[in-house]
Amino acid sequence: MLDLDAFLEKYDVAGSIILLAGSRKVAPDDREKLRNLGRLLAKRSKELIFRSGNANGSDTFFVEGVGDVDRSRVEIILPYPTHQPQNRVGYDSLSIDQVDVLNEPTLLEQAKMHSGARYGIEQYLGGQTNGDKIATAKLILRSTLMVTGAEKVKPANFAIFYVDKTTTKPGGTGHTIRVCEQMHVDYLDQDTWFSWLD
């Protein structure tokens, strides 16, 4: 099991992007743990940049913790420019609409692994901008971009997740984990990082 000191020794280097993401459903007793992890990582590191997806739940709690220490080291990837502005005040952000998705083959290949988003992605690439399928496609493109990066976005170096262990359908978080596996980005979840808080 990776401990905190070993993690920091390996990843706390210039340009290192750490993805903090997870389930929208967070057990009430765990919410402060996510904030505490964000604070701990921001205090103990010097170089890490923390990336998240602006979703309610895990993303928000992780970022609140980091932001308590250093808001300048947070970057938010959005599915669209107006996505939940209340969660990202004072943070650098980038929307999927600012990325030339057609010229990002790795991003597209990985996003299309999510079978429920393929049709919507094709619609989005064809110029459609509204509808439930487009909304799903943009959420999945956002979740994918957080890992793969793009021309103006560095790829993630490591990912830390909070996973809802009560469901067998982890949704966008499950997709992001699969992208990490496909892109050989190491990751862990609370089964490991809860011990970092002791």
N, C-alpha and C. Protein backbone atom coordinates (compact mmCIF):
# COMPACT_ATOMS: atom_id res chain seq x y z
N MET A 1 0.85 -1.19 0.00
CA MET A 1 0.00 0.00 0.00
C MET A 1 0.89 1.25 0.00
N LEU A 2 0.57 2.19 -0.86
CA LEU A 2 1.34 3.43 -0.98
C LEU A 2 1.06 4.33 0.22
N ASP A 3 2.13 4.72 0.93
CA ASP A 3 1.90 5.64 2.04
C ASP A 3 2.13 7.08 1.57
N LEU A 4 1.76 8.03 2.42
CA LEU A 4 1.78 9.43 2.03
C LEU A 4 3.19 9.91 1.72
N ASP A 5 4.17 9.54 2.53
CA ASP A 5 5.54 9.98 2.30
C ASP A 5 6.06 9.48 0.95
N ALA A 6 5.78 8.22 0.63
CA ALA A 6 6.23 7.66 -0.65
C ALA A 6 5.52 8.35 -1.81
N PHE A 7 4.23 8.63 -1.64
CA PHE A 7 3.48 9.35 -2.68
C PHE A 7 4.11 10.72 -2.94
N LEU A 8 4.38 11.47 -1.88
CA LEU A 8 4.94 12.81 -2.05
C LEU A 8 6.34 12.77 -2.63
N GLU A 9 7.12 11.80 -2.21
CA GLU A 9 8.48 11.70 -2.75
C GLU A 9 8.47 11.47 -4.26
N LYS A 10 7.52 10.68 -4.71
CA LYS A 10 7.44 10.37 -6.15
C LYS A 10 6.78 11.47 -6.96
N TYR A 11 5.71 12.06 -6.43
CA TYR A 11 4.87 12.93 -7.26
C TYR A 11 5.00 14.42 -6.99
N ASP A 12 5.59 14.82 -5.87
CA ASP A 12 5.67 16.25 -5.57
C ASP A 12 6.85 16.87 -6.32
N VAL A 13 6.68 16.96 -7.63
CA VAL A 13 7.70 17.52 -8.52
C VAL A 13 7.02 18.54 -9.43
N ALA A 14 7.81 19.42 -10.00
CA ALA A 14 7.26 20.48 -10.84
C ALA A 14 6.40 19.91 -11.96
N GLY A 15 5.22 20.49 -12.14
CA GLY A 15 4.33 20.09 -13.23
C GLY A 15 3.46 18.90 -12.95
N SER A 16 3.49 18.37 -11.74
CA SER A 16 2.73 17.16 -11.42
C SER A 16 1.26 17.50 -11.18
N ILE A 17 0.39 16.80 -11.90
CA ILE A 17 -1.06 17.00 -11.82
C ILE A 17 -1.69 15.82 -11.08
N ILE A 18 -2.37 16.12 -9.99
CA ILE A 18 -3.04 15.09 -9.21
C ILE A 18 -4.55 15.29 -9.33
N LEU A 19 -5.21 14.28 -9.85
CA LEU A 19 -6.67 14.33 -10.01
C LEU A 19 -7.33 13.94 -8.69
N LEU A 20 -8.24 14.78 -8.22
CA LEU A 20 -9.05 14.51 -7.03
C LEU A 20 -10.50 14.45 -7.47
N ALA A 21 -11.10 13.28 -7.41
CA ALA A 21 -12.45 13.12 -7.96
C ALA A 21 -13.15 11.96 -7.28
N GLY A 22 -14.42 11.81 -7.60
CA GLY A 22 -15.14 10.67 -7.05
C GLY A 22 -16.64 10.82 -7.11
N SER A 23 -17.27 10.00 -6.34
CA SER A 23 -18.71 9.87 -6.33
C SER A 23 -19.40 11.14 -5.85
N ARG A 24 -20.57 11.40 -6.41
CA ARG A 24 -21.39 12.51 -5.89
C ARG A 24 -21.94 12.15 -4.51
N LYS A 25 -22.17 10.86 -4.28
CA LYS A 25 -22.69 10.40 -2.99
C LYS A 25 -21.51 10.15 -2.05
N VAL A 26 -21.45 10.94 -0.98
CA VAL A 26 -20.40 10.81 0.02
C VAL A 26 -21.06 10.59 1.37
N ALA A 27 -20.66 9.54 2.06
CA ALA A 27 -21.22 9.28 3.40
C ALA A 27 -20.98 10.50 4.29
N PRO A 28 -21.99 10.91 5.06
CA PRO A 28 -21.84 12.11 5.90
C PRO A 28 -20.59 12.07 6.78
N ASP A 29 -20.25 10.91 7.31
CA ASP A 29 -19.08 10.80 8.19
C ASP A 29 -17.76 10.94 7.42
N ASP A 30 -17.83 10.84 6.09
CA ASP A 30 -16.60 10.89 5.27
C ASP A 30 -16.32 12.28 4.70
N ARG A 31 -17.28 13.16 4.72
CA ARG A 31 -17.13 14.45 4.03
C ARG A 31 -15.93 15.25 4.54
N GLU A 32 -15.78 15.30 5.86
CA GLU A 32 -14.66 16.06 6.41
C GLU A 32 -13.33 15.36 6.12
N LYS A 33 -13.37 14.04 5.93
CA LYS A 33 -12.15 13.32 5.57
C LYS A 33 -11.65 13.77 4.19
N LEU A 34 -12.57 13.99 3.26
CA LEU A 34 -12.17 14.47 1.94
C LEU A 34 -11.56 15.86 2.04
N ARG A 35 -12.20 16.73 2.80
CA ARG A 35 -11.64 18.07 3.01
C ARG A 35 -10.26 17.98 3.67
N ASN A 36 -10.15 17.11 4.67
CA ASN A 36 -8.88 16.97 5.38
C ASN A 36 -7.77 16.44 4.48
N LEU A 37 -8.12 15.54 3.55
CA LEU A 37 -7.11 15.06 2.61
C LEU A 37 -6.63 16.21 1.73
N GLY A 38 -7.57 17.00 1.22
CA GLY A 38 -7.19 18.15 0.41
C GLY A 38 -6.25 19.08 1.16
N ARG A 39 -6.59 19.38 2.41
CA ARG A 39 -5.74 20.26 3.22
C ARG A 39 -4.36 19.64 3.44
N LEU A 40 -4.34 18.36 3.79
CA LEU A 40 -3.09 17.66 4.07
C LEU A 40 -2.17 17.66 2.85
N LEU A 41 -2.71 17.31 1.69
CA LEU A 41 -1.90 17.27 0.48
C LEU A 41 -1.36 18.65 0.12
N ALA A 42 -2.20 19.67 0.26
CA ALA A 42 -1.76 21.02 -0.07
C ALA A 42 -0.70 21.52 0.91
N LYS A 43 -0.83 21.17 2.19
CA LYS A 43 0.16 21.60 3.18
C LYS A 43 1.48 20.85 3.03
N ARG A 44 1.41 19.56 2.73
CA ARG A 44 2.62 18.74 2.72
C ARG A 44 3.39 18.80 1.40
N SER A 45 2.76 19.32 0.36
CA SER A 45 3.41 19.36 -0.96
C SER A 45 3.78 20.80 -1.32
N LYS A 46 4.70 20.92 -2.26
CA LYS A 46 5.09 22.24 -2.75
C LYS A 46 4.72 22.45 -4.21
N GLU A 47 4.74 21.38 -5.00
CA GLU A 47 4.61 21.51 -6.45
C GLU A 47 3.28 21.00 -7.00
N LEU A 48 2.58 20.17 -6.27
CA LEU A 48 1.39 19.51 -6.82
C LEU A 48 0.33 20.52 -7.25
N ILE A 49 -0.25 20.27 -8.42
CA ILE A 49 -1.44 20.97 -8.90
C ILE A 49 -2.60 19.97 -8.79
N PHE A 50 -3.69 20.43 -8.23
CA PHE A 50 -4.83 19.55 -7.96
C PHE A 50 -5.95 19.84 -8.96
N ARG A 51 -6.36 18.82 -9.67
CA ARG A 51 -7.38 18.95 -10.71
C ARG A 51 -8.65 18.25 -10.27
N SER A 52 -9.79 18.85 -10.58
CA SER A 52 -11.06 18.23 -10.26
C SER A 52 -12.09 18.62 -11.31
N GLY A 53 -13.28 18.01 -11.19
CA GLY A 53 -14.29 18.16 -12.23
C GLY A 53 -15.51 18.96 -11.85
N ASN A 54 -15.50 19.60 -10.66
CA ASN A 54 -16.56 20.51 -10.28
C ASN A 54 -17.90 19.84 -10.01
N ALA A 55 -17.92 18.52 -9.87
CA ALA A 55 -19.17 17.85 -9.54
C ALA A 55 -19.47 18.03 -8.06
N ASN A 56 -20.75 18.06 -7.71
CA ASN A 56 -21.13 18.06 -6.31
C ASN A 56 -20.67 16.75 -5.68
N GLY A 57 -20.42 16.77 -4.40
CA GLY A 57 -19.96 15.57 -3.71
C GLY A 57 -18.46 15.56 -3.57
N SER A 58 -17.82 14.46 -3.93
CA SER A 58 -16.39 14.28 -3.71
C SER A 58 -15.56 15.42 -4.26
N ASP A 59 -15.80 15.78 -5.52
CA ASP A 59 -15.00 16.83 -6.15
C ASP A 59 -15.01 18.10 -5.31
N THR A 60 -16.20 18.49 -4.89
CA THR A 60 -16.36 19.72 -4.12
C THR A 60 -15.64 19.65 -2.78
N PHE A 61 -15.80 18.53 -2.07
CA PHE A 61 -15.18 18.41 -0.75
C PHE A 61 -13.66 18.39 -0.84
N PHE A 62 -13.11 17.64 -1.80
CA PHE A 62 -11.65 17.63 -1.99
C PHE A 62 -11.13 19.05 -2.24
N VAL A 63 -11.78 19.75 -3.17
CA VAL A 63 -11.31 21.08 -3.57
C VAL A 63 -11.47 22.09 -2.43
N GLU A 64 -12.53 21.97 -1.65
CA GLU A 64 -12.67 22.87 -0.49
C GLU A 64 -11.46 22.74 0.43
N GLY A 65 -10.99 21.51 0.64
CA GLY A 65 -9.84 21.30 1.50
C GLY A 65 -8.57 21.92 0.93
N VAL A 66 -8.30 21.67 -0.33
CA VAL A 66 -7.12 22.26 -0.96
C VAL A 66 -7.23 23.78 -0.93
N GLY A 67 -8.42 24.29 -1.25
CA GLY A 67 -8.63 25.73 -1.31
C GLY A 67 -8.44 26.43 0.02
N ASP A 68 -8.66 25.72 1.12
CA ASP A 68 -8.41 26.30 2.44
C ASP A 68 -6.93 26.63 2.63
N VAL A 69 -6.07 25.95 1.87
CA VAL A 69 -4.62 26.13 2.00
C VAL A 69 -4.05 26.98 0.88
N ASP A 70 -4.43 26.65 -0.37
CA ASP A 70 -3.83 27.35 -1.51
C ASP A 70 -4.72 27.22 -2.75
N ARG A 71 -5.58 28.19 -2.96
CA ARG A 71 -6.51 28.15 -4.10
C ARG A 71 -5.79 28.22 -5.44
N SER A 72 -4.58 28.75 -5.46
CA SER A 72 -3.86 28.90 -6.73
C SER A 72 -3.39 27.57 -7.31
N ARG A 73 -3.46 26.51 -6.53
CA ARG A 73 -2.99 25.20 -7.00
C ARG A 73 -4.13 24.27 -7.40
N VAL A 74 -5.30 24.85 -7.64
CA VAL A 74 -6.48 24.08 -8.07
C VAL A 74 -6.82 24.45 -9.49
N GLU A 75 -7.10 23.43 -10.31
CA GLU A 75 -7.67 23.68 -11.64
C GLU A 75 -8.91 22.81 -11.81
N ILE A 76 -9.94 23.42 -12.37
CA ILE A 76 -11.23 22.76 -12.53
C ILE A 76 -11.49 22.55 -14.02
N ILE A 77 -11.85 21.31 -14.37
CA ILE A 77 -12.24 20.99 -15.74
C ILE A 77 -13.77 20.90 -15.78
N LEU A 78 -14.39 21.70 -16.65
CA LEU A 78 -15.85 21.81 -16.69
C LEU A 78 -16.43 21.13 -17.93
N PRO A 79 -17.63 20.57 -17.80
CA PRO A 79 -18.30 20.03 -19.00
C PRO A 79 -18.83 21.14 -19.90
N TYR A 80 -19.13 22.30 -19.32
CA TYR A 80 -19.58 23.47 -20.08
C TYR A 80 -19.30 24.71 -19.22
N PRO A 81 -19.19 25.88 -19.84
CA PRO A 81 -18.70 27.06 -19.11
C PRO A 81 -19.54 27.49 -17.92
N THR A 82 -20.85 27.24 -17.94
CA THR A 82 -21.73 27.70 -16.87
C THR A 82 -21.95 26.65 -15.78
N HIS A 83 -21.18 25.58 -15.78
CA HIS A 83 -21.38 24.47 -14.85
C HIS A 83 -21.10 24.89 -13.41
N GLN A 84 -22.12 24.91 -12.58
CA GLN A 84 -22.04 25.11 -11.13
C GLN A 84 -21.02 26.17 -10.71
N PRO A 85 -21.26 27.40 -11.10
CA PRO A 85 -20.28 28.46 -10.80
C PRO A 85 -20.03 28.65 -9.31
N GLN A 86 -21.01 28.31 -8.48
CA GLN A 86 -20.83 28.50 -7.04
C GLN A 86 -19.72 27.63 -6.46
N ASN A 87 -19.38 26.53 -7.15
CA ASN A 87 -18.36 25.61 -6.64
C ASN A 87 -16.94 26.00 -7.06
N ARG A 88 -16.80 26.98 -7.93
CA ARG A 88 -15.47 27.22 -8.51
C ARG A 88 -15.03 28.68 -8.44
N VAL A 89 -15.64 29.43 -7.56
CA VAL A 89 -15.26 30.84 -7.41
C VAL A 89 -13.80 30.91 -6.96
N GLY A 90 -13.01 31.65 -7.71
CA GLY A 90 -11.62 31.86 -7.33
C GLY A 90 -10.65 30.79 -7.80
N TYR A 91 -11.14 29.82 -8.57
CA TYR A 91 -10.27 28.76 -9.08
C TYR A 91 -10.10 28.90 -10.59
N ASP A 92 -8.93 28.51 -11.09
CA ASP A 92 -8.74 28.43 -12.54
C ASP A 92 -9.62 27.33 -13.09
N SER A 93 -10.26 27.59 -14.22
CA SER A 93 -11.12 26.56 -14.82
C SER A 93 -11.01 26.58 -16.33
N LEU A 94 -11.34 25.44 -16.91
CA LEU A 94 -11.33 25.26 -18.36
C LEU A 94 -12.52 24.39 -18.72
N SER A 95 -13.26 24.78 -19.74
CA SER A 95 -14.42 24.01 -20.19
C SER A 95 -14.06 23.12 -21.38
N ILE A 96 -14.75 22.02 -21.50
CA ILE A 96 -14.56 21.12 -22.64
C ILE A 96 -14.81 21.88 -23.95
N ASP A 97 -15.64 22.92 -23.90
CA ASP A 97 -15.91 23.72 -25.10
C ASP A 97 -14.69 24.52 -25.56
N GLN A 98 -13.70 24.65 -24.70
CA GLN A 98 -12.47 25.36 -25.06
C GLN A 98 -11.40 24.43 -25.64
N VAL A 99 -11.75 23.17 -25.78
CA VAL A 99 -10.82 22.17 -26.31
C VAL A 99 -11.26 21.77 -27.70
N ASP A 100 -10.32 21.68 -28.63
CA ASP A 100 -10.61 21.25 -30.00
C ASP A 100 -10.72 19.73 -30.02
N VAL A 101 -11.87 19.25 -29.56
CA VAL A 101 -12.07 17.82 -29.33
C VAL A 101 -11.82 17.01 -30.60
N LEU A 102 -12.22 17.53 -31.75
CA LEU A 102 -12.02 16.80 -33.02
C LEU A 102 -10.56 16.48 -33.29
N ASN A 103 -9.65 17.29 -32.76
CA ASN A 103 -8.22 17.07 -32.97
C ASN A 103 -7.54 16.45 -31.77
N GLU A 104 -8.32 15.76 -30.95
CA GLU A 104 -7.79 15.07 -29.77
C GLU A 104 -8.19 13.59 -29.83
N PRO A 105 -7.49 12.79 -30.66
CA PRO A 105 -7.90 11.40 -30.86
C PRO A 105 -7.86 10.55 -29.59
N THR A 106 -6.90 10.79 -28.73
CA THR A 106 -6.83 9.99 -27.50
C THR A 106 -8.02 10.30 -26.61
N LEU A 107 -8.34 11.57 -26.47
CA LEU A 107 -9.51 11.97 -25.68
C LEU A 107 -10.77 11.31 -26.22
N LEU A 108 -10.97 11.37 -27.53
CA LEU A 108 -12.17 10.79 -28.13
C LEU A 108 -12.22 9.28 -27.97
N GLU A 109 -11.09 8.63 -28.20
CA GLU A 109 -11.05 7.17 -28.08
C GLU A 109 -11.42 6.73 -26.67
N GLN A 110 -10.84 7.41 -25.68
CA GLN A 110 -11.10 7.03 -24.30
C GLN A 110 -12.53 7.39 -23.88
N ALA A 111 -13.04 8.53 -24.32
CA ALA A 111 -14.41 8.93 -23.97
C ALA A 111 -15.42 7.95 -24.54
N LYS A 112 -15.16 7.46 -25.73
CA LYS A 112 -16.11 6.55 -26.38
C LYS A 112 -16.12 5.16 -25.76
N MET A 113 -15.21 4.89 -24.83
CA MET A 113 -15.30 3.64 -24.07
C MET A 113 -16.59 3.60 -23.27
N HIS A 114 -17.12 4.77 -22.94
CA HIS A 114 -18.39 4.85 -22.20
C HIS A 114 -19.52 4.68 -23.21
N SER A 115 -20.10 3.49 -23.25
CA SER A 115 -21.08 3.18 -24.30
C SER A 115 -22.28 4.11 -24.27
N GLY A 116 -22.66 4.58 -23.10
CA GLY A 116 -23.81 5.47 -22.99
C GLY A 116 -23.58 6.86 -23.52
N ALA A 117 -22.32 7.20 -23.81
CA ALA A 117 -22.01 8.55 -24.29
C ALA A 117 -21.65 8.60 -25.77
N ARG A 118 -21.45 7.45 -26.41
CA ARG A 118 -20.94 7.45 -27.79
C ARG A 118 -21.82 8.23 -28.74
N TYR A 119 -23.12 7.98 -28.71
CA TYR A 119 -24.03 8.64 -29.64
C TYR A 119 -24.03 10.15 -29.40
N GLY A 120 -24.07 10.56 -28.13
CA GLY A 120 -24.05 11.97 -27.81
C GLY A 120 -22.76 12.64 -28.22
N ILE A 121 -21.64 11.92 -28.11
CA ILE A 121 -20.35 12.48 -28.54
C ILE A 121 -20.38 12.75 -30.04
N GLU A 122 -20.92 11.81 -30.80
CA GLU A 122 -21.02 12.01 -32.25
C GLU A 122 -21.92 13.20 -32.57
N GLN A 123 -23.01 13.34 -31.83
CA GLN A 123 -23.90 14.49 -32.03
C GLN A 123 -23.16 15.80 -31.73
N TYR A 124 -22.43 15.81 -30.62
CA TYR A 124 -21.67 16.99 -30.21
C TYR A 124 -20.62 17.35 -31.27
N LEU A 125 -19.92 16.36 -31.77
CA LEU A 125 -18.92 16.59 -32.81
C LEU A 125 -19.56 17.10 -34.10
N GLY A 126 -20.83 16.71 -34.30
CA GLY A 126 -21.55 17.17 -35.47
C GLY A 126 -22.15 18.56 -35.34
N GLY A 127 -21.95 19.18 -34.18
CA GLY A 127 -22.40 20.55 -34.01
C GLY A 127 -23.62 20.74 -33.14
N GLN A 128 -24.24 19.65 -32.68
CA GLN A 128 -25.41 19.81 -31.81
C GLN A 128 -24.95 20.26 -30.42
N THR A 129 -25.75 21.08 -29.78
CA THR A 129 -25.34 21.66 -28.51
C THR A 129 -26.32 21.42 -27.37
N ASN A 130 -27.51 20.91 -27.67
CA ASN A 130 -28.53 20.75 -26.63
C ASN A 130 -29.06 19.33 -26.58
N GLY A 131 -29.64 18.98 -25.45
CA GLY A 131 -30.27 17.68 -25.28
C GLY A 131 -29.56 16.83 -24.24
N ASP A 132 -30.28 15.83 -23.73
CA ASP A 132 -29.75 14.98 -22.67
C ASP A 132 -28.51 14.21 -23.12
N LYS A 133 -28.51 13.75 -24.36
CA LYS A 133 -27.35 12.97 -24.85
C LYS A 133 -26.11 13.84 -24.96
N ILE A 134 -26.32 15.10 -25.35
CA ILE A 134 -25.19 16.04 -25.43
C ILE A 134 -24.66 16.32 -24.02
N ALA A 135 -25.57 16.52 -23.07
CA ALA A 135 -25.15 16.77 -21.69
C ALA A 135 -24.33 15.61 -21.15
N THR A 136 -24.79 14.38 -21.39
CA THR A 136 -24.05 13.21 -20.94
C THR A 136 -22.69 13.14 -21.62
N ALA A 137 -22.67 13.40 -22.92
CA ALA A 137 -21.42 13.36 -23.67
C ALA A 137 -20.41 14.35 -23.10
N LYS A 138 -20.86 15.55 -22.77
CA LYS A 138 -19.94 16.57 -22.26
C LYS A 138 -19.42 16.20 -20.86
N LEU A 139 -20.27 15.59 -20.07
CA LEU A 139 -19.82 15.13 -18.75
C LEU A 139 -18.74 14.05 -18.89
N ILE A 140 -18.95 13.13 -19.83
CA ILE A 140 -17.97 12.05 -20.03
C ILE A 140 -16.69 12.60 -20.68
N LEU A 141 -16.83 13.52 -21.61
CA LEU A 141 -15.63 14.15 -22.19
C LEU A 141 -14.83 14.87 -21.10
N ARG A 142 -15.54 15.57 -20.21
CA ARG A 142 -14.87 16.24 -19.09
C ARG A 142 -14.13 15.23 -18.22
N SER A 143 -14.82 14.15 -17.84
CA SER A 143 -14.21 13.13 -16.98
C SER A 143 -13.00 12.49 -17.64
N THR A 144 -13.03 12.37 -18.95
CA THR A 144 -11.92 11.77 -19.70
C THR A 144 -10.76 12.75 -19.80
N LEU A 145 -11.07 13.99 -20.14
CA LEU A 145 -10.04 15.02 -20.29
C LEU A 145 -9.24 15.20 -19.01
N MET A 146 -9.89 15.03 -17.86
CA MET A 146 -9.18 15.19 -16.59
C MET A 146 -7.99 14.24 -16.49
N VAL A 147 -8.08 13.10 -17.17
CA VAL A 147 -6.99 12.11 -17.14
C VAL A 147 -6.07 12.27 -18.35
N THR A 148 -6.65 12.29 -19.54
CA THR A 148 -5.84 12.23 -20.77
C THR A 148 -5.10 13.52 -21.06
N GLY A 149 -5.69 14.65 -20.61
CA GLY A 149 -5.16 15.93 -21.05
C GLY A 149 -5.48 16.17 -22.51
N ALA A 150 -4.95 17.28 -23.04
CA ALA A 150 -5.15 17.67 -24.43
C ALA A 150 -4.05 18.65 -24.78
N GLU A 151 -4.16 19.30 -25.92
CA GLU A 151 -3.09 20.20 -26.36
C GLU A 151 -2.77 21.27 -25.30
N LYS A 152 -3.80 21.85 -24.69
CA LYS A 152 -3.58 22.91 -23.71
C LYS A 152 -3.75 22.43 -22.27
N VAL A 153 -3.87 21.13 -22.08
CA VAL A 153 -4.13 20.56 -20.77
C VAL A 153 -3.16 19.41 -20.53
N LYS A 154 -2.35 19.52 -19.49
CA LYS A 154 -1.42 18.44 -19.18
C LYS A 154 -2.19 17.19 -18.74
N PRO A 155 -1.70 16.01 -19.10
CA PRO A 155 -2.34 14.80 -18.57
C PRO A 155 -2.12 14.67 -17.07
N ALA A 156 -2.98 13.92 -16.42
CA ALA A 156 -2.82 13.68 -14.99
C ALA A 156 -1.64 12.73 -14.76
N ASN A 157 -0.95 12.94 -13.65
CA ASN A 157 0.15 12.06 -13.26
C ASN A 157 -0.30 10.98 -12.29
N PHE A 158 -1.37 11.27 -11.54
CA PHE A 158 -1.88 10.34 -10.53
C PHE A 158 -3.31 10.75 -10.23
N ALA A 159 -4.11 9.81 -9.73
CA ALA A 159 -5.51 10.12 -9.39
C ALA A 159 -5.86 9.56 -8.02
N ILE A 160 -6.59 10.36 -7.26
CA ILE A 160 -7.09 9.97 -5.95
C ILE A 160 -8.61 10.08 -5.99
N PHE A 161 -9.27 8.97 -5.67
CA PHE A 161 -10.72 8.90 -5.77
C PHE A 161 -11.38 8.65 -4.43
N TYR A 162 -12.62 9.08 -4.33
CA TYR A 162 -13.53 8.59 -3.31
C TYR A 162 -14.61 7.84 -4.07
N VAL A 163 -14.75 6.56 -3.78
CA VAL A 163 -15.67 5.69 -4.51
C VAL A 163 -16.82 5.29 -3.61
N ASP A 164 -18.03 5.37 -4.15
CA ASP A 164 -19.21 4.90 -3.42
C ASP A 164 -19.19 3.38 -3.43
N LYS A 165 -18.86 2.79 -2.31
CA LYS A 165 -18.72 1.33 -2.22
C LYS A 165 -20.06 0.63 -2.10
N THR A 166 -21.16 1.40 -2.03
CA THR A 166 -22.48 0.78 -1.86
C THR A 166 -23.16 0.49 -3.19
N THR A 167 -22.53 0.86 -4.30
CA THR A 167 -23.18 0.66 -5.60
C THR A 167 -22.28 -0.15 -6.53
N THR A 168 -22.91 -0.87 -7.43
CA THR A 168 -22.16 -1.59 -8.46
C THR A 168 -22.16 -0.80 -9.77
N LYS A 169 -22.76 0.40 -9.75
CA LYS A 169 -22.82 1.26 -10.94
C LYS A 169 -22.16 2.59 -10.62
N PRO A 170 -20.82 2.64 -10.68
CA PRO A 170 -20.11 3.85 -10.26
C PRO A 170 -20.15 5.02 -11.24
N GLY A 171 -20.87 4.88 -12.36
CA GLY A 171 -21.10 6.01 -13.27
C GLY A 171 -19.84 6.65 -13.79
N GLY A 172 -19.82 8.02 -13.75
CA GLY A 172 -18.69 8.77 -14.28
C GLY A 172 -17.39 8.45 -13.58
N THR A 173 -17.45 8.20 -12.27
CA THR A 173 -16.23 7.85 -11.54
C THR A 173 -15.65 6.55 -12.05
N GLY A 174 -16.51 5.57 -12.28
CA GLY A 174 -16.04 4.30 -12.83
C GLY A 174 -15.39 4.48 -14.19
N HIS A 175 -15.98 5.35 -15.01
CA HIS A 175 -15.39 5.64 -16.32
C HIS A 175 -14.02 6.27 -16.16
N THR A 176 -13.89 7.24 -15.26
CA THR A 176 -12.61 7.91 -15.07
C THR A 176 -11.55 6.93 -14.59
N ILE A 177 -11.93 6.01 -13.72
CA ILE A 177 -10.99 4.97 -13.26
C ILE A 177 -10.56 4.09 -14.43
N ARG A 178 -11.49 3.73 -15.29
CA ARG A 178 -11.13 2.91 -16.47
C ARG A 178 -10.18 3.66 -17.39
N VAL A 179 -10.39 4.97 -17.55
CA VAL A 179 -9.47 5.77 -18.37
C VAL A 179 -8.08 5.77 -17.73
N CYS A 180 -8.02 5.91 -16.41
CA CYS A 180 -6.72 5.84 -15.73
C CYS A 180 -6.03 4.51 -16.05
N GLU A 181 -6.77 3.44 -16.01
CA GLU A 181 -6.19 2.12 -16.30
C GLU A 181 -5.70 2.04 -17.74
N GLN A 182 -6.50 2.55 -18.66
CA GLN A 182 -6.11 2.52 -20.07
C GLN A 182 -4.89 3.39 -20.35
N MET A 183 -4.78 4.50 -19.63
CA MET A 183 -3.69 5.45 -19.86
C MET A 183 -2.50 5.22 -18.94
N HIS A 184 -2.57 4.15 -18.15
CA HIS A 184 -1.48 3.78 -17.22
C HIS A 184 -1.19 4.90 -16.22
N VAL A 185 -2.27 5.52 -15.74
CA VAL A 185 -2.17 6.52 -14.68
C VAL A 185 -2.51 5.82 -13.37
N ASP A 186 -1.55 5.75 -12.46
CA ASP A 186 -1.79 5.09 -11.18
C ASP A 186 -2.82 5.86 -10.38
N TYR A 187 -3.56 5.13 -9.54
CA TYR A 187 -4.61 5.76 -8.75
C TYR A 187 -4.85 4.94 -7.48
N LEU A 188 -5.55 5.56 -6.56
CA LEU A 188 -5.99 4.85 -5.36
C LEU A 188 -7.30 5.46 -4.89
N ASP A 189 -7.95 4.77 -3.97
CA ASP A 189 -9.18 5.31 -3.40
C ASP A 189 -9.07 5.32 -1.88
N GLN A 190 -10.19 5.53 -1.21
CA GLN A 190 -10.16 5.73 0.24
C GLN A 190 -9.68 4.51 1.00
N ASP A 191 -9.71 3.34 0.40
CA ASP A 191 -9.16 2.16 1.08
C ASP A 191 -7.70 2.39 1.45
N THR A 192 -7.01 3.22 0.67
CA THR A 192 -5.62 3.58 0.99
C THR A 192 -5.53 4.93 1.69
N TRP A 193 -6.15 5.97 1.11
CA TRP A 193 -5.85 7.31 1.62
C TRP A 193 -6.49 7.64 2.96
N PHE A 194 -7.50 6.88 3.38
CA PHE A 194 -8.01 7.11 4.74
C PHE A 194 -6.88 6.95 5.77
N SER A 195 -5.96 6.01 5.50
CA SER A 195 -4.85 5.77 6.45
C SER A 195 -3.88 6.95 6.48
N TRP A 196 -3.85 7.77 5.43
CA TRP A 196 -2.97 8.94 5.40
C TRP A 196 -3.40 9.99 6.43
N LEU A 197 -4.64 9.93 6.85
CA LEU A 197 -5.18 10.94 7.76
C LEU A 197 -4.92 10.61 9.23
N ASP A 198 -4.43 9.41 9.51
CA ASP A 198 -4.19 8.99 10.91
C ASP A 198 -3.01 9.74 11.51
